[in-house]
């Protein structure tokens, strides 16, 4: 009997852009927490290779797994859909995607890569390693005082 395997169309063999976005948000939060893929995997009962596949968008994250990820990473489920590029949201869900993450109006995209820079991640990690809340607050106030003041345009 002839082999009757059906080849997937090219679009189906690539990760969905939504899955890639969700995976990048998983990686962002894990990295901000200073958590390894292995440690995240242990908390979820997965191998680090499975975590890698989620982060690359190769494996789709199901609802129950998304719930577990939100719990372990201490974020609301909507976090995984935040900062989705507008063209992607429009193509794959339009206003429904924006409503799903709690926005009734389109949000401006976050064009710079500030949150993904190593310097930012290291700063956030160092900040959260400060255990004394009053010291952490003083560091926060210091950093804010050093930044240029935004002046409203007339």
N, C-alpha and C. Protein backbone atom coordinates (compact mmCIF):
# COMPACT_ATOMS: atom_id res chain seq x y z
N UNK A 1 0.84 -1.17 0.00
CA UNK A 1 0.00 0.00 0.00
C UNK A 1 0.89 1.25 0.00
N UNK A 2 0.50 2.23 -0.76
CA UNK A 2 1.31 3.44 -0.90
C UNK A 2 1.27 4.26 0.39
N UNK A 3 2.36 4.99 0.62
CA UNK A 3 2.43 5.87 1.79
C UNK A 3 1.46 7.03 1.61
N UNK A 4 0.53 7.16 2.53
CA UNK A 4 -0.50 8.19 2.39
C UNK A 4 -0.30 9.33 3.37
N UNK A 5 0.94 9.62 3.71
CA UNK A 5 1.16 10.76 4.60
C UNK A 5 0.86 12.04 3.85
N UNK A 6 0.23 12.92 4.54
CA UNK A 6 -0.14 14.19 3.94
C UNK A 6 0.83 15.25 4.43
N UNK A 7 1.43 15.97 3.49
CA UNK A 7 2.35 17.04 3.88
C UNK A 7 1.55 18.25 4.33
N UNK A 8 2.06 18.88 5.38
CA UNK A 8 1.42 20.09 5.87
C UNK A 8 1.75 21.24 4.95
N UNK A 9 0.80 22.15 4.74
CA UNK A 9 1.17 23.36 4.01
C UNK A 9 2.25 24.10 4.79
N UNK A 10 3.06 24.87 4.08
CA UNK A 10 4.20 25.57 4.68
C UNK A 10 3.78 26.40 5.89
N UNK A 11 2.64 27.06 5.83
CA UNK A 11 2.19 27.92 6.93
C UNK A 11 2.01 27.12 8.22
N UNK A 12 1.55 25.87 8.11
CA UNK A 12 1.31 25.06 9.30
C UNK A 12 2.60 24.53 9.90
N UNK A 13 3.69 24.47 9.14
CA UNK A 13 4.93 23.93 9.67
C UNK A 13 5.73 24.97 10.44
N UNK A 14 5.36 26.24 10.32
CA UNK A 14 6.04 27.31 11.05
C UNK A 14 5.23 27.67 12.28
N UNK A 15 5.90 28.14 13.31
CA UNK A 15 5.16 28.57 14.51
C UNK A 15 4.24 29.75 14.19
N UNK A 16 3.10 29.78 14.84
CA UNK A 16 2.19 30.91 14.70
C UNK A 16 2.85 32.15 15.30
N UNK A 17 2.70 33.31 14.67
CA UNK A 17 3.26 34.54 15.24
C UNK A 17 2.72 34.82 16.65
N UNK A 18 1.50 34.41 16.93
CA UNK A 18 0.94 34.59 18.28
C UNK A 18 1.71 33.71 19.27
N UNK A 19 1.98 32.46 18.88
CA UNK A 19 2.73 31.55 19.75
C UNK A 19 4.15 32.07 19.99
N UNK A 20 4.75 32.66 18.96
CA UNK A 20 6.09 33.24 19.10
C UNK A 20 6.05 34.42 20.07
N UNK A 21 5.00 35.25 19.96
CA UNK A 21 4.88 36.40 20.87
C UNK A 21 4.70 35.93 22.32
N UNK A 22 3.80 34.97 22.52
CA UNK A 22 3.56 34.44 23.87
C UNK A 22 4.86 33.84 24.41
N UNK A 23 5.59 33.11 23.59
CA UNK A 23 6.86 32.53 24.01
C UNK A 23 7.88 33.59 24.40
N UNK A 24 7.91 34.69 23.65
CA UNK A 24 8.87 35.75 23.98
C UNK A 24 8.50 36.41 25.30
N UNK A 25 7.21 36.48 25.61
CA UNK A 25 6.77 37.06 26.88
C UNK A 25 7.11 36.11 28.04
N UNK A 26 7.03 34.80 27.80
CA UNK A 26 7.44 33.83 28.82
C UNK A 26 8.93 34.01 29.11
N UNK A 27 9.73 34.09 28.04
CA UNK A 27 11.18 34.27 28.20
C UNK A 27 11.49 35.58 28.90
N UNK A 28 10.80 36.67 28.53
CA UNK A 28 11.03 37.97 29.16
C UNK A 28 10.80 37.89 30.66
N UNK A 29 9.66 37.35 31.08
CA UNK A 29 9.34 37.30 32.50
C UNK A 29 10.29 36.38 33.25
N UNK A 30 10.59 35.23 32.66
CA UNK A 30 11.52 34.29 33.30
C UNK A 30 12.87 34.96 33.51
N UNK A 31 13.33 35.68 32.49
CA UNK A 31 14.62 36.34 32.56
C UNK A 31 14.60 37.47 33.59
N UNK A 32 13.52 38.24 33.62
CA UNK A 32 13.41 39.32 34.60
C UNK A 32 13.47 38.77 36.03
N UNK A 33 12.95 37.59 36.22
CA UNK A 33 12.98 36.96 37.55
C UNK A 33 14.33 36.30 37.84
N UNK A 34 15.21 36.23 36.83
CA UNK A 34 16.49 35.56 37.02
C UNK A 34 16.34 34.06 37.14
N UNK A 35 15.32 33.52 36.51
CA UNK A 35 15.00 32.10 36.61
C UNK A 35 15.53 31.37 35.38
N UNK A 36 16.15 30.23 35.59
CA UNK A 36 16.65 29.44 34.46
C UNK A 36 15.50 28.66 33.83
N UNK A 37 15.72 28.22 32.60
CA UNK A 37 14.72 27.37 31.93
C UNK A 37 14.54 26.08 32.71
N UNK A 38 15.61 25.58 33.28
CA UNK A 38 15.53 24.34 34.06
C UNK A 38 14.65 24.54 35.30
N UNK A 39 14.85 25.65 35.99
CA UNK A 39 14.05 25.92 37.20
C UNK A 39 12.57 26.11 36.86
N UNK A 40 12.28 26.83 35.77
CA UNK A 40 10.90 27.00 35.34
C UNK A 40 10.29 25.65 34.99
N UNK A 41 11.06 24.84 34.27
CA UNK A 41 10.59 23.51 33.91
C UNK A 41 10.26 22.67 35.13
N UNK A 42 11.12 22.71 36.14
CA UNK A 42 10.87 21.95 37.37
C UNK A 42 9.58 22.41 38.04
N UNK A 43 9.35 23.71 38.06
CA UNK A 43 8.14 24.24 38.70
C UNK A 43 6.87 23.83 37.96
N UNK A 44 7.02 23.55 36.66
CA UNK A 44 5.87 23.17 35.84
C UNK A 44 5.80 21.67 35.56
N UNK A 45 6.82 20.92 36.01
CA UNK A 45 6.87 19.49 35.72
C UNK A 45 7.26 19.21 34.28
N UNK A 46 8.14 20.07 33.72
CA UNK A 46 8.59 19.94 32.34
C UNK A 46 10.11 19.87 32.29
N UNK A 47 10.64 19.47 31.15
CA UNK A 47 12.08 19.54 30.94
C UNK A 47 12.42 20.94 30.44
N UNK A 48 13.70 21.32 30.56
CA UNK A 48 14.09 22.63 30.06
C UNK A 48 13.94 22.70 28.54
N UNK A 49 14.02 21.54 27.86
CA UNK A 49 13.83 21.53 26.41
C UNK A 49 12.40 21.89 26.04
N UNK A 50 11.43 21.43 26.86
CA UNK A 50 10.04 21.80 26.61
C UNK A 50 9.83 23.29 26.83
N UNK A 51 10.48 23.84 27.86
CA UNK A 51 10.39 25.28 28.11
C UNK A 51 10.98 26.03 26.91
N UNK A 52 12.11 25.56 26.38
CA UNK A 52 12.72 26.19 25.21
C UNK A 52 11.74 26.22 24.03
N UNK A 53 11.05 25.12 23.82
CA UNK A 53 10.10 25.05 22.71
C UNK A 53 8.94 26.02 22.91
N UNK A 54 8.46 26.17 24.13
CA UNK A 54 7.42 27.16 24.41
C UNK A 54 7.94 28.57 24.12
N UNK A 55 9.16 28.85 24.58
CA UNK A 55 9.73 30.18 24.43
C UNK A 55 9.98 30.54 22.96
N UNK A 56 10.27 29.57 22.14
CA UNK A 56 10.49 29.83 20.71
C UNK A 56 9.18 29.82 19.93
N UNK A 57 8.09 29.39 20.58
CA UNK A 57 6.81 29.33 19.89
C UNK A 57 6.63 28.07 19.08
N UNK A 58 7.57 27.13 19.18
CA UNK A 58 7.48 25.88 18.44
C UNK A 58 6.32 25.04 18.98
N UNK A 59 6.20 25.00 20.31
CA UNK A 59 5.07 24.31 20.94
C UNK A 59 4.05 25.34 21.38
N UNK A 60 2.81 25.11 21.05
CA UNK A 60 1.72 26.00 21.44
C UNK A 60 1.43 25.80 22.93
N UNK A 61 1.19 26.89 23.63
CA UNK A 61 0.88 26.85 25.05
C UNK A 61 -0.62 26.72 25.22
N UNK A 62 -1.07 25.61 25.79
CA UNK A 62 -2.49 25.40 26.04
C UNK A 62 -2.99 26.23 27.23
N UNK A 63 -4.28 26.28 27.38
CA UNK A 63 -4.90 27.12 28.42
C UNK A 63 -4.44 26.74 29.82
N UNK A 64 -4.43 25.46 30.14
CA UNK A 64 -4.04 25.06 31.50
C UNK A 64 -2.56 25.35 31.74
N UNK A 65 -1.73 25.17 30.71
CA UNK A 65 -0.30 25.46 30.86
C UNK A 65 -0.09 26.97 31.00
N UNK A 66 -0.87 27.77 30.27
CA UNK A 66 -0.76 29.22 30.39
C UNK A 66 -1.14 29.66 31.80
N UNK A 67 -2.15 29.03 32.35
CA UNK A 67 -2.57 29.31 33.73
C UNK A 67 -1.43 28.99 34.69
N UNK A 68 -0.79 27.82 34.51
CA UNK A 68 0.33 27.43 35.37
C UNK A 68 1.51 28.39 35.22
N UNK A 69 1.80 28.78 33.98
CA UNK A 69 2.90 29.73 33.75
C UNK A 69 2.63 31.06 34.44
N UNK A 70 1.40 31.54 34.36
CA UNK A 70 1.05 32.81 35.01
C UNK A 70 1.24 32.70 36.51
N UNK A 71 0.86 31.57 37.08
CA UNK A 71 1.00 31.36 38.53
C UNK A 71 2.48 31.30 38.92
N UNK A 72 3.27 30.51 38.21
CA UNK A 72 4.69 30.34 38.55
C UNK A 72 5.47 31.63 38.32
N UNK A 73 5.15 32.35 37.25
CA UNK A 73 5.87 33.58 36.92
C UNK A 73 5.25 34.81 37.59
N UNK A 74 4.17 34.61 38.33
CA UNK A 74 3.52 35.65 39.11
C UNK A 74 3.10 36.85 38.25
N UNK A 75 2.37 36.55 37.19
CA UNK A 75 1.82 37.58 36.31
C UNK A 75 0.38 37.20 35.96
N UNK A 76 -0.44 38.19 35.58
CA UNK A 76 -1.77 37.84 35.07
C UNK A 76 -1.63 37.19 33.69
N UNK A 77 -2.58 36.39 33.31
CA UNK A 77 -2.54 35.72 32.01
C UNK A 77 -2.42 36.74 30.88
N UNK A 78 -3.02 37.89 31.06
CA UNK A 78 -2.97 38.92 30.01
C UNK A 78 -1.54 39.38 29.72
N UNK A 79 -0.63 39.20 30.68
CA UNK A 79 0.77 39.59 30.48
C UNK A 79 1.34 38.97 29.21
N UNK A 80 0.96 37.73 28.91
CA UNK A 80 1.54 37.02 27.78
C UNK A 80 1.10 37.60 26.44
N UNK A 81 0.06 38.43 26.45
CA UNK A 81 -0.45 39.04 25.22
C UNK A 81 -0.16 40.54 25.17
N UNK A 82 0.40 41.09 26.25
CA UNK A 82 0.72 42.51 26.28
C UNK A 82 1.78 42.83 25.24
N UNK A 83 1.78 44.07 24.79
CA UNK A 83 2.76 44.59 23.83
C UNK A 83 2.76 43.84 22.51
N UNK A 84 1.65 43.20 22.18
CA UNK A 84 1.56 42.52 20.89
C UNK A 84 1.56 43.58 19.79
N UNK A 85 2.40 43.43 18.79
CA UNK A 85 2.42 44.42 17.71
C UNK A 85 1.04 44.56 17.08
N UNK A 86 0.64 45.78 16.83
CA UNK A 86 -0.70 46.07 16.31
C UNK A 86 -1.02 45.30 15.03
N UNK A 87 -0.10 45.22 14.06
CA UNK A 87 -0.44 44.46 12.84
C UNK A 87 -0.75 42.99 13.15
N UNK A 88 -0.03 42.42 14.10
CA UNK A 88 -0.26 41.03 14.48
C UNK A 88 -1.62 40.87 15.15
N UNK A 89 -1.94 41.77 16.06
CA UNK A 89 -3.23 41.72 16.74
C UNK A 89 -4.36 41.89 15.73
N UNK A 90 -4.16 42.78 14.77
CA UNK A 90 -5.20 43.04 13.77
C UNK A 90 -5.41 41.82 12.88
N UNK A 91 -4.30 41.22 12.42
CA UNK A 91 -4.39 40.08 11.51
C UNK A 91 -4.99 38.85 12.18
N UNK A 92 -4.63 38.63 13.45
CA UNK A 92 -5.03 37.40 14.12
C UNK A 92 -6.15 37.57 15.13
N UNK A 93 -6.80 38.69 15.16
CA UNK A 93 -7.89 38.78 16.11
C UNK A 93 -8.53 40.15 16.22
N UNK A 94 -7.94 41.14 15.60
CA UNK A 94 -8.53 42.47 15.61
C UNK A 94 -8.85 42.94 17.01
N UNK A 95 -9.99 43.58 17.16
CA UNK A 95 -10.39 44.15 18.44
C UNK A 95 -10.59 43.08 19.51
N UNK A 96 -10.94 41.87 19.11
CA UNK A 96 -11.16 40.80 20.09
C UNK A 96 -9.90 40.54 20.90
N UNK A 97 -8.73 40.59 20.24
CA UNK A 97 -7.47 40.36 20.96
C UNK A 97 -7.23 41.48 21.96
N UNK A 98 -7.47 42.72 21.54
CA UNK A 98 -7.26 43.84 22.45
C UNK A 98 -8.22 43.74 23.64
N UNK A 99 -9.48 43.37 23.39
CA UNK A 99 -10.42 43.23 24.51
C UNK A 99 -10.01 42.09 25.42
N UNK A 100 -9.45 41.04 24.86
CA UNK A 100 -9.04 39.89 25.66
C UNK A 100 -7.96 40.26 26.65
N UNK A 101 -7.16 41.28 26.34
CA UNK A 101 -6.12 41.68 27.25
C UNK A 101 -6.50 42.92 28.04
N UNK A 102 -7.77 43.32 27.97
CA UNK A 102 -8.26 44.38 28.83
C UNK A 102 -8.25 45.76 28.23
N UNK A 103 -8.05 45.90 26.93
CA UNK A 103 -8.03 47.21 26.33
C UNK A 103 -9.19 47.34 25.35
N UNK A 104 -9.94 48.42 25.46
CA UNK A 104 -11.01 48.63 24.50
C UNK A 104 -10.54 49.49 23.35
N UNK A 105 -9.48 50.24 23.55
CA UNK A 105 -8.91 51.10 22.52
C UNK A 105 -7.57 50.53 22.09
N UNK A 106 -7.20 50.72 20.83
CA UNK A 106 -5.87 50.27 20.41
C UNK A 106 -4.80 50.97 21.23
N UNK A 107 -3.76 50.24 21.57
CA UNK A 107 -2.66 50.80 22.34
C UNK A 107 -1.51 51.12 21.40
N UNK A 108 -0.73 52.14 21.76
CA UNK A 108 0.44 52.45 20.98
C UNK A 108 1.46 51.34 21.15
N UNK A 109 2.15 51.00 20.08
CA UNK A 109 3.18 49.97 20.15
C UNK A 109 4.37 50.45 20.94
N UNK A 110 5.12 49.52 21.45
CA UNK A 110 6.34 49.85 22.20
C UNK A 110 7.48 49.63 21.24
N UNK A 111 7.93 50.73 20.62
CA UNK A 111 8.85 50.62 19.51
C UNK A 111 10.30 50.35 19.91
N UNK A 112 10.74 50.87 21.08
CA UNK A 112 12.15 50.64 21.39
C UNK A 112 12.32 49.31 22.10
N UNK A 113 13.54 48.90 22.19
CA UNK A 113 13.85 47.58 22.72
C UNK A 113 14.38 47.67 24.15
N UNK A 114 14.04 48.73 24.87
CA UNK A 114 14.59 48.99 26.19
C UNK A 114 14.38 47.82 27.15
N UNK A 115 13.19 47.25 27.18
CA UNK A 115 12.91 46.18 28.13
C UNK A 115 13.64 44.89 27.82
N UNK A 116 14.16 44.76 26.62
CA UNK A 116 14.83 43.53 26.24
C UNK A 116 16.35 43.64 26.30
N UNK A 117 16.87 44.80 26.68
CA UNK A 117 18.32 44.97 26.78
C UNK A 117 18.86 44.29 28.02
N UNK A 118 20.06 43.74 27.91
CA UNK A 118 20.68 43.06 29.05
C UNK A 118 20.84 44.02 30.23
N UNK A 119 21.23 45.27 29.94
CA UNK A 119 21.42 46.26 31.01
C UNK A 119 20.13 46.46 31.82
N UNK A 120 18.99 46.53 31.12
CA UNK A 120 17.71 46.70 31.80
C UNK A 120 17.40 45.49 32.66
N UNK A 121 17.61 44.31 32.12
CA UNK A 121 17.34 43.09 32.86
C UNK A 121 18.21 42.99 34.11
N UNK A 122 19.48 43.33 33.96
CA UNK A 122 20.39 43.28 35.11
C UNK A 122 20.00 44.30 36.17
N UNK A 123 19.58 45.49 35.73
CA UNK A 123 19.15 46.53 36.66
C UNK A 123 17.91 46.08 37.43
N UNK A 124 16.96 45.51 36.74
CA UNK A 124 15.74 45.05 37.40
C UNK A 124 16.05 43.91 38.37
N UNK A 125 16.90 42.99 37.96
CA UNK A 125 17.29 41.89 38.87
C UNK A 125 17.96 42.44 40.13
N UNK A 126 18.91 43.36 39.94
CA UNK A 126 19.62 43.93 41.08
C UNK A 126 18.65 44.66 42.00
N UNK A 127 17.73 45.41 41.42
CA UNK A 127 16.75 46.15 42.19
C UNK A 127 15.93 45.21 43.08
N UNK A 128 15.45 44.11 42.51
CA UNK A 128 14.63 43.18 43.28
C UNK A 128 15.42 42.31 44.25
N UNK A 129 16.75 42.32 44.13
CA UNK A 129 17.56 41.62 45.14
C UNK A 129 17.72 42.44 46.40
N UNK A 130 17.38 43.73 46.34
CA UNK A 130 17.41 44.57 47.54
C UNK A 130 16.24 44.13 48.41
N UNK A 131 16.55 43.55 49.56
CA UNK A 131 15.50 42.96 50.39
C UNK A 131 14.78 43.97 51.28
N UNK A 132 15.45 45.04 51.64
CA UNK A 132 14.84 46.04 52.53
C UNK A 132 13.96 46.97 51.69
N UNK A 133 12.64 46.96 51.92
CA UNK A 133 11.73 47.79 51.12
C UNK A 133 12.04 49.29 51.18
N UNK A 134 12.50 49.77 52.33
CA UNK A 134 12.80 51.21 52.43
C UNK A 134 14.03 51.57 51.60
N UNK A 135 15.02 50.68 51.57
CA UNK A 135 16.21 50.92 50.75
C UNK A 135 15.82 50.85 49.27
N UNK A 136 15.03 49.86 48.92
CA UNK A 136 14.58 49.72 47.53
C UNK A 136 13.83 50.97 47.09
N UNK A 137 12.99 51.51 47.96
CA UNK A 137 12.23 52.73 47.63
C UNK A 137 13.18 53.91 47.43
N UNK A 138 14.22 54.02 48.26
CA UNK A 138 15.18 55.11 48.12
C UNK A 138 15.96 54.99 46.81
N UNK A 139 16.33 53.77 46.44
CA UNK A 139 17.01 53.55 45.16
C UNK A 139 16.09 53.96 44.01
N UNK A 140 14.84 53.56 44.11
CA UNK A 140 13.85 53.92 43.09
C UNK A 140 13.73 55.44 42.97
N UNK A 141 13.60 56.12 44.10
CA UNK A 141 13.49 57.58 44.10
C UNK A 141 14.76 58.23 43.53
N UNK A 142 15.92 57.67 43.85
CA UNK A 142 17.18 58.19 43.32
C UNK A 142 17.22 58.09 41.80
N UNK A 143 16.89 56.94 41.28
CA UNK A 143 16.90 56.74 39.83
C UNK A 143 15.92 57.70 39.15
N UNK A 144 14.73 57.84 39.72
CA UNK A 144 13.76 58.78 39.14
C UNK A 144 14.29 60.20 39.17
N UNK A 145 15.01 60.59 40.24
CA UNK A 145 15.51 61.96 40.35
C UNK A 145 16.63 62.24 39.34
N UNK A 146 17.34 61.20 38.91
CA UNK A 146 18.43 61.37 37.95
C UNK A 146 17.94 61.44 36.51
N UNK A 147 16.75 60.95 36.26
CA UNK A 147 16.22 60.93 34.89
C UNK A 147 15.72 62.33 34.51
N UNK A 148 15.81 62.68 33.22
CA UNK A 148 15.30 63.98 32.81
C UNK A 148 13.79 64.06 33.05
N UNK A 149 13.35 65.25 33.39
CA UNK A 149 11.93 65.46 33.65
C UNK A 149 11.20 65.62 32.32
N UNK A 150 10.11 64.87 32.17
CA UNK A 150 9.28 65.03 30.96
C UNK A 150 8.48 66.31 31.09
N UNK A 151 8.59 67.14 30.09
CA UNK A 151 7.81 68.37 30.10
C UNK A 151 6.69 68.24 29.08
N UNK A 152 5.46 68.56 29.49
CA UNK A 152 4.36 68.44 28.53
C UNK A 152 4.55 69.45 27.40
N UNK A 153 4.28 68.99 26.19
CA UNK A 153 4.42 69.89 25.04
C UNK A 153 3.18 70.77 24.94
N UNK A 154 3.40 72.02 24.59
CA UNK A 154 2.31 72.99 24.53
C UNK A 154 1.63 73.00 23.20
